[in-house]
Amino acid sequence: MPPRAPEPCRVPGCSGTSNTGYCPEHTTGKYAYDHDRGNAAKRGFDHRWRTWRIGYLKRHPLCVDCSRHGIVRLARDLHHVKKLIYFPDLKYNEANILGLCQSCHSVRTSRGE
């Protein structure tokens, strides 16, 4: 397979190119986290997970956090209460998963939950 062609750097306004998403100038600091964490499949969210996720959202379509406040909003993201990095055996355990809308999931993630 031929090597990937260089693409524009993902940082808005940067004119650099890269085969990995960020130019050499933006592979450090706040951009290094995204660069080093890998794509979803490399983090364990493969085809099996995507299929399971769809089934879970069909069974639990509403955001848990919004529902607690009387707001009806569709869940889009799944949040693991106990982080997968520490508890990989709980990946498909429904007791460890919350269906959340994107904004509620972002809030929980930014708090380190």
C-alpha atoms as a PDB file:
ATOM      1  CA  MET A   1       0.000   0.000   0.000  1.00  0.00           C
ATOM      2  CA  PRO A   2       1.466   3.399  -0.920  1.00  0.00           C
ATOM      3  CA  PRO A   3       2.115   5.918   1.850  1.00  0.00           C
ATOM      4  CA  ARG A   4      -0.600   8.442   2.611  1.00  0.00           C
ATOM      5  CA  ALA A   5      -0.429  11.711   0.758  1.00  0.00           C
ATOM      6  CA  PRO A   6       0.200  14.727   2.988  1.00  0.00           C
ATOM      7  CA  GLU A   7      -2.956  16.503   4.127  1.00  0.00           C
ATOM      8  CA  PRO A   8      -3.434  20.012   5.523  1.00  0.00           C
ATOM      9  CA  CYS A   9      -2.756  20.402   9.233  1.00  0.00           C
ATOM     10  CA  ARG A  10      -5.966  20.152  11.311  1.00  0.00           C
ATOM     11  CA  VAL A  11      -5.237  23.398  13.144  1.00  0.00           C
ATOM     12  CA  PRO A  12      -7.388  26.175  11.657  1.00  0.00           C
ATOM     13  CA  GLY A  13      -5.284  28.689   9.737  1.00  0.00           C
ATOM     14  CA  CYS A  14      -2.135  26.553   9.654  1.00  0.00           C
ATOM     15  CA  SER A  15      -0.592  26.106   6.210  1.00  0.00           C
ATOM     16  CA  GLY A  16       1.503  23.088   7.231  1.00  0.00           C
ATOM     17  CA  THR A  17       0.938  19.532   6.013  1.00  0.00           C
ATOM     18  CA  SER A  18       1.215  16.135   7.622  1.00  0.00           C
ATOM     19  CA  ASN A  19       0.544  12.437   7.121  1.00  0.00           C
ATOM     20  CA  THR A  20      -0.780  12.146  10.687  1.00  0.00           C
ATOM     21  CA  GLY A  21      -3.193  15.075  11.028  1.00  0.00           C
ATOM     22  CA  TYR A  22      -0.976  17.757  12.560  1.00  0.00           C
ATOM     23  CA  CYS A  23       2.142  19.398  11.177  1.00  0.00           C
ATOM     24  CA  PRO A  24       5.378  19.094  13.202  1.00  0.00           C
ATOM     25  CA  GLU A  25       4.738  22.489  14.815  1.00  0.00           C
ATOM     26  CA  HIS A  26       1.379  21.298  16.176  1.00  0.00           C
ATOM     27  CA  THR A  27       2.297  17.828  17.471  1.00  0.00           C
ATOM     28  CA  THR A  28       3.199  19.238  20.892  1.00  0.00           C
ATOM     29  CA  GLY A  29       1.340  21.097  23.595  1.00  0.00           C
ATOM     30  CA  LYS A  30      -2.440  21.109  23.563  1.00  0.00           C
ATOM     31  CA  TYR A  31      -2.545  19.345  20.169  1.00  0.00           C
ATOM     32  CA  ALA A  32      -0.401  16.400  21.272  1.00  0.00           C
ATOM     33  CA  TYR A  33      -3.316  14.811  23.169  1.00  0.00           C
ATOM     34  CA  ASP A  34      -5.390  14.301  20.013  1.00  0.00           C
ATOM     35  CA  HIS A  35      -2.335  13.242  18.031  1.00  0.00           C
ATOM     36  CA  ASP A  36      -1.225  10.623  20.567  1.00  0.00           C
ATOM     37  CA  ARG A  37      -4.582   9.123  21.554  1.00  0.00           C
ATOM     38  CA  GLY A  38      -5.210   7.403  18.220  1.00  0.00           C
ATOM     39  CA  ASN A  39      -8.445   6.996  16.331  1.00  0.00           C
ATOM     40  CA  ALA A  40     -11.612   5.430  17.741  1.00  0.00           C
ATOM     41  CA  ALA A  41     -10.838   1.947  16.426  1.00  0.00           C
ATOM     42  CA  LYS A  42      -7.368   2.001  17.992  1.00  0.00           C
ATOM     43  CA  ARG A  43      -8.966   2.971  21.320  1.00  0.00           C
ATOM     44  CA  GLY A  44     -11.237  -0.095  21.181  1.00  0.00           C
ATOM     45  CA  PHE A  45     -14.339   1.363  19.546  1.00  0.00           C
ATOM     46  CA  ASP A  46     -14.387  -1.033  16.611  1.00  0.00           C
ATOM     47  CA  HIS A  47     -17.183  -2.478  14.465  1.00  0.00           C
ATOM     48  CA  ARG A  48     -18.482  -4.662  17.305  1.00  0.00           C
ATOM     49  CA  TRP A  49     -18.696  -1.617  19.594  1.00  0.00           C
ATOM     50  CA  ARG A  50     -20.448   0.515  16.973  1.00  0.00           C
ATOM     51  CA  THR A  51     -23.063  -2.210  16.413  1.00  0.00           C
ATOM     52  CA  TRP A  52     -23.582  -2.666  20.167  1.00  0.00           C
ATOM     53  CA  ARG A  53     -23.803   1.104  20.659  1.00  0.00           C
ATOM     54  CA  ILE A  54     -26.634   1.407  18.111  1.00  0.00           C
ATOM     55  CA  GLY A  55     -28.599  -1.295  19.938  1.00  0.00           C
ATOM     56  CA  TYR A  56     -28.058   0.397  23.291  1.00  0.00           C
ATOM     57  CA  LEU A  57     -29.260   3.756  21.967  1.00  0.00           C
ATOM     58  CA  LYS A  58     -32.374   2.115  20.507  1.00  0.00           C
ATOM     59  CA  ARG A  59     -33.176   0.670  23.945  1.00  0.00           C
ATOM     60  CA  HIS A  60     -32.215   3.861  25.826  1.00  0.00           C
ATOM     61  CA  PRO A  61     -32.839   6.779  23.439  1.00  0.00           C
ATOM     62  CA  LEU A  62     -32.915   9.699  25.901  1.00  0.00           C
ATOM     63  CA  CYS A  63     -30.093  11.598  27.594  1.00  0.00           C
ATOM     64  CA  VAL A  64     -29.963  10.514  31.239  1.00  0.00           C
ATOM     65  CA  ASP A  65     -28.672  13.859  32.540  1.00  0.00           C
ATOM     66  CA  CYS A  66     -31.226  15.951  30.633  1.00  0.00           C
ATOM     67  CA  SER A  67     -34.046  13.651  31.788  1.00  0.00           C
ATOM     68  CA  ARG A  68     -33.091  14.324  35.415  1.00  0.00           C
ATOM     69  CA  HIS A  69     -33.846  18.010  34.750  1.00  0.00           C
ATOM     70  CA  GLY A  70     -37.102  17.379  32.918  1.00  0.00           C
ATOM     71  CA  ILE A  71     -35.564  17.984  29.494  1.00  0.00           C
ATOM     72  CA  VAL A  72     -36.204  15.574  26.635  1.00  0.00           C
ATOM     73  CA  ARG A  73     -33.153  15.238  24.421  1.00  0.00           C
ATOM     74  CA  LEU A  74     -31.898  12.292  22.398  1.00  0.00           C
ATOM     75  CA  ALA A  75     -28.779  10.508  23.586  1.00  0.00           C
ATOM     76  CA  ARG A  76     -26.018  10.449  21.026  1.00  0.00           C
ATOM     77  CA  ASP A  77     -22.966   9.440  23.023  1.00  0.00           C
ATOM     78  CA  LEU A  78     -22.337   6.612  25.469  1.00  0.00           C
ATOM     79  CA  HIS A  79     -20.454   7.439  28.639  1.00  0.00           C
ATOM     80  CA  HIS A  80     -18.646   4.812  30.702  1.00  0.00           C
ATOM     81  CA  VAL A  81     -19.067   5.594  34.411  1.00  0.00           C
ATOM     82  CA  LYS A  82     -15.937   3.613  35.249  1.00  0.00           C
ATOM     83  CA  LYS A  83     -13.298   4.501  32.665  1.00  0.00           C
ATOM     84  CA  LEU A  84     -12.439   1.826  30.147  1.00  0.00           C
ATOM     85  CA  ILE A  85      -8.736   2.411  30.561  1.00  0.00           C
ATOM     86  CA  TYR A  86      -9.041   1.110  34.151  1.00  0.00           C
ATOM     87  CA  PHE A  87     -11.990  -1.288  33.702  1.00  0.00           C
ATOM     88  CA  PRO A  88     -11.862  -2.745  30.160  1.00  0.00           C
ATOM     89  CA  ASP A  89     -14.015  -5.694  31.235  1.00  0.00           C
ATOM     90  CA  LEU A  90     -16.955  -3.261  31.742  1.00  0.00           C
ATOM     91  CA  LYS A  91     -16.982  -2.112  28.121  1.00  0.00           C
ATOM     92  CA  TYR A  92     -20.329  -3.773  27.313  1.00  0.00           C
ATOM     93  CA  ASN A  93     -21.780  -3.708  30.840  1.00  0.00           C
ATOM     94  CA  GLU A  94     -25.000  -1.667  30.649  1.00  0.00           C
ATOM     95  CA  ALA A  95     -24.785  -0.851  34.371  1.00  0.00           C
ATOM     96  CA  ASN A  96     -21.578   1.064  33.600  1.00  0.00           C
ATOM     97  CA  ILE A  97     -22.976   3.037  30.662  1.00  0.00           C
ATOM     98  CA  LEU A  98     -25.059   6.200  30.398  1.00  0.00           C
ATOM     99  CA  GLY A  99     -26.650   7.466  27.205  1.00  0.00           C
ATOM    100  CA  LEU A 100     -25.968  11.201  26.978  1.00  0.00           C
ATOM    101  CA  CYS A 101     -26.485  14.017  24.508  1.00  0.00           C
ATOM    102  CA  GLN A 102     -23.312  15.511  23.108  1.00  0.00           C
ATOM    103  CA  SER A 103     -23.294  18.535  25.421  1.00  0.00           C
ATOM    104  CA  CYS A 104     -23.840  16.496  28.609  1.00  0.00           C
ATOM    105  CA  HIS A 105     -21.148  14.033  27.528  1.00  0.00           C
ATOM    106  CA  SER A 106     -18.728  16.911  26.887  1.00  0.00           C
ATOM    107  CA  VAL A 107     -19.426  18.335  30.344  1.00  0.00           C
ATOM    108  CA  ARG A 108     -18.785  15.015  32.052  1.00  0.00           C
ATOM    109  CA  THR A 109     -15.643  14.377  30.009  1.00  0.00           C
ATOM    110  CA  SER A 110     -14.233  17.841  30.727  1.00  0.00           C
ATOM    111  CA  ARG A 111     -14.726  17.178  34.458  1.00  0.00           C
ATOM    112  CA  GLY A 112     -12.648  14.007  34.072  1.00  0.00           C
ATOM    113  CA  GLU A 113     -15.514  11.623  34.680  1.00  0.00           C
END
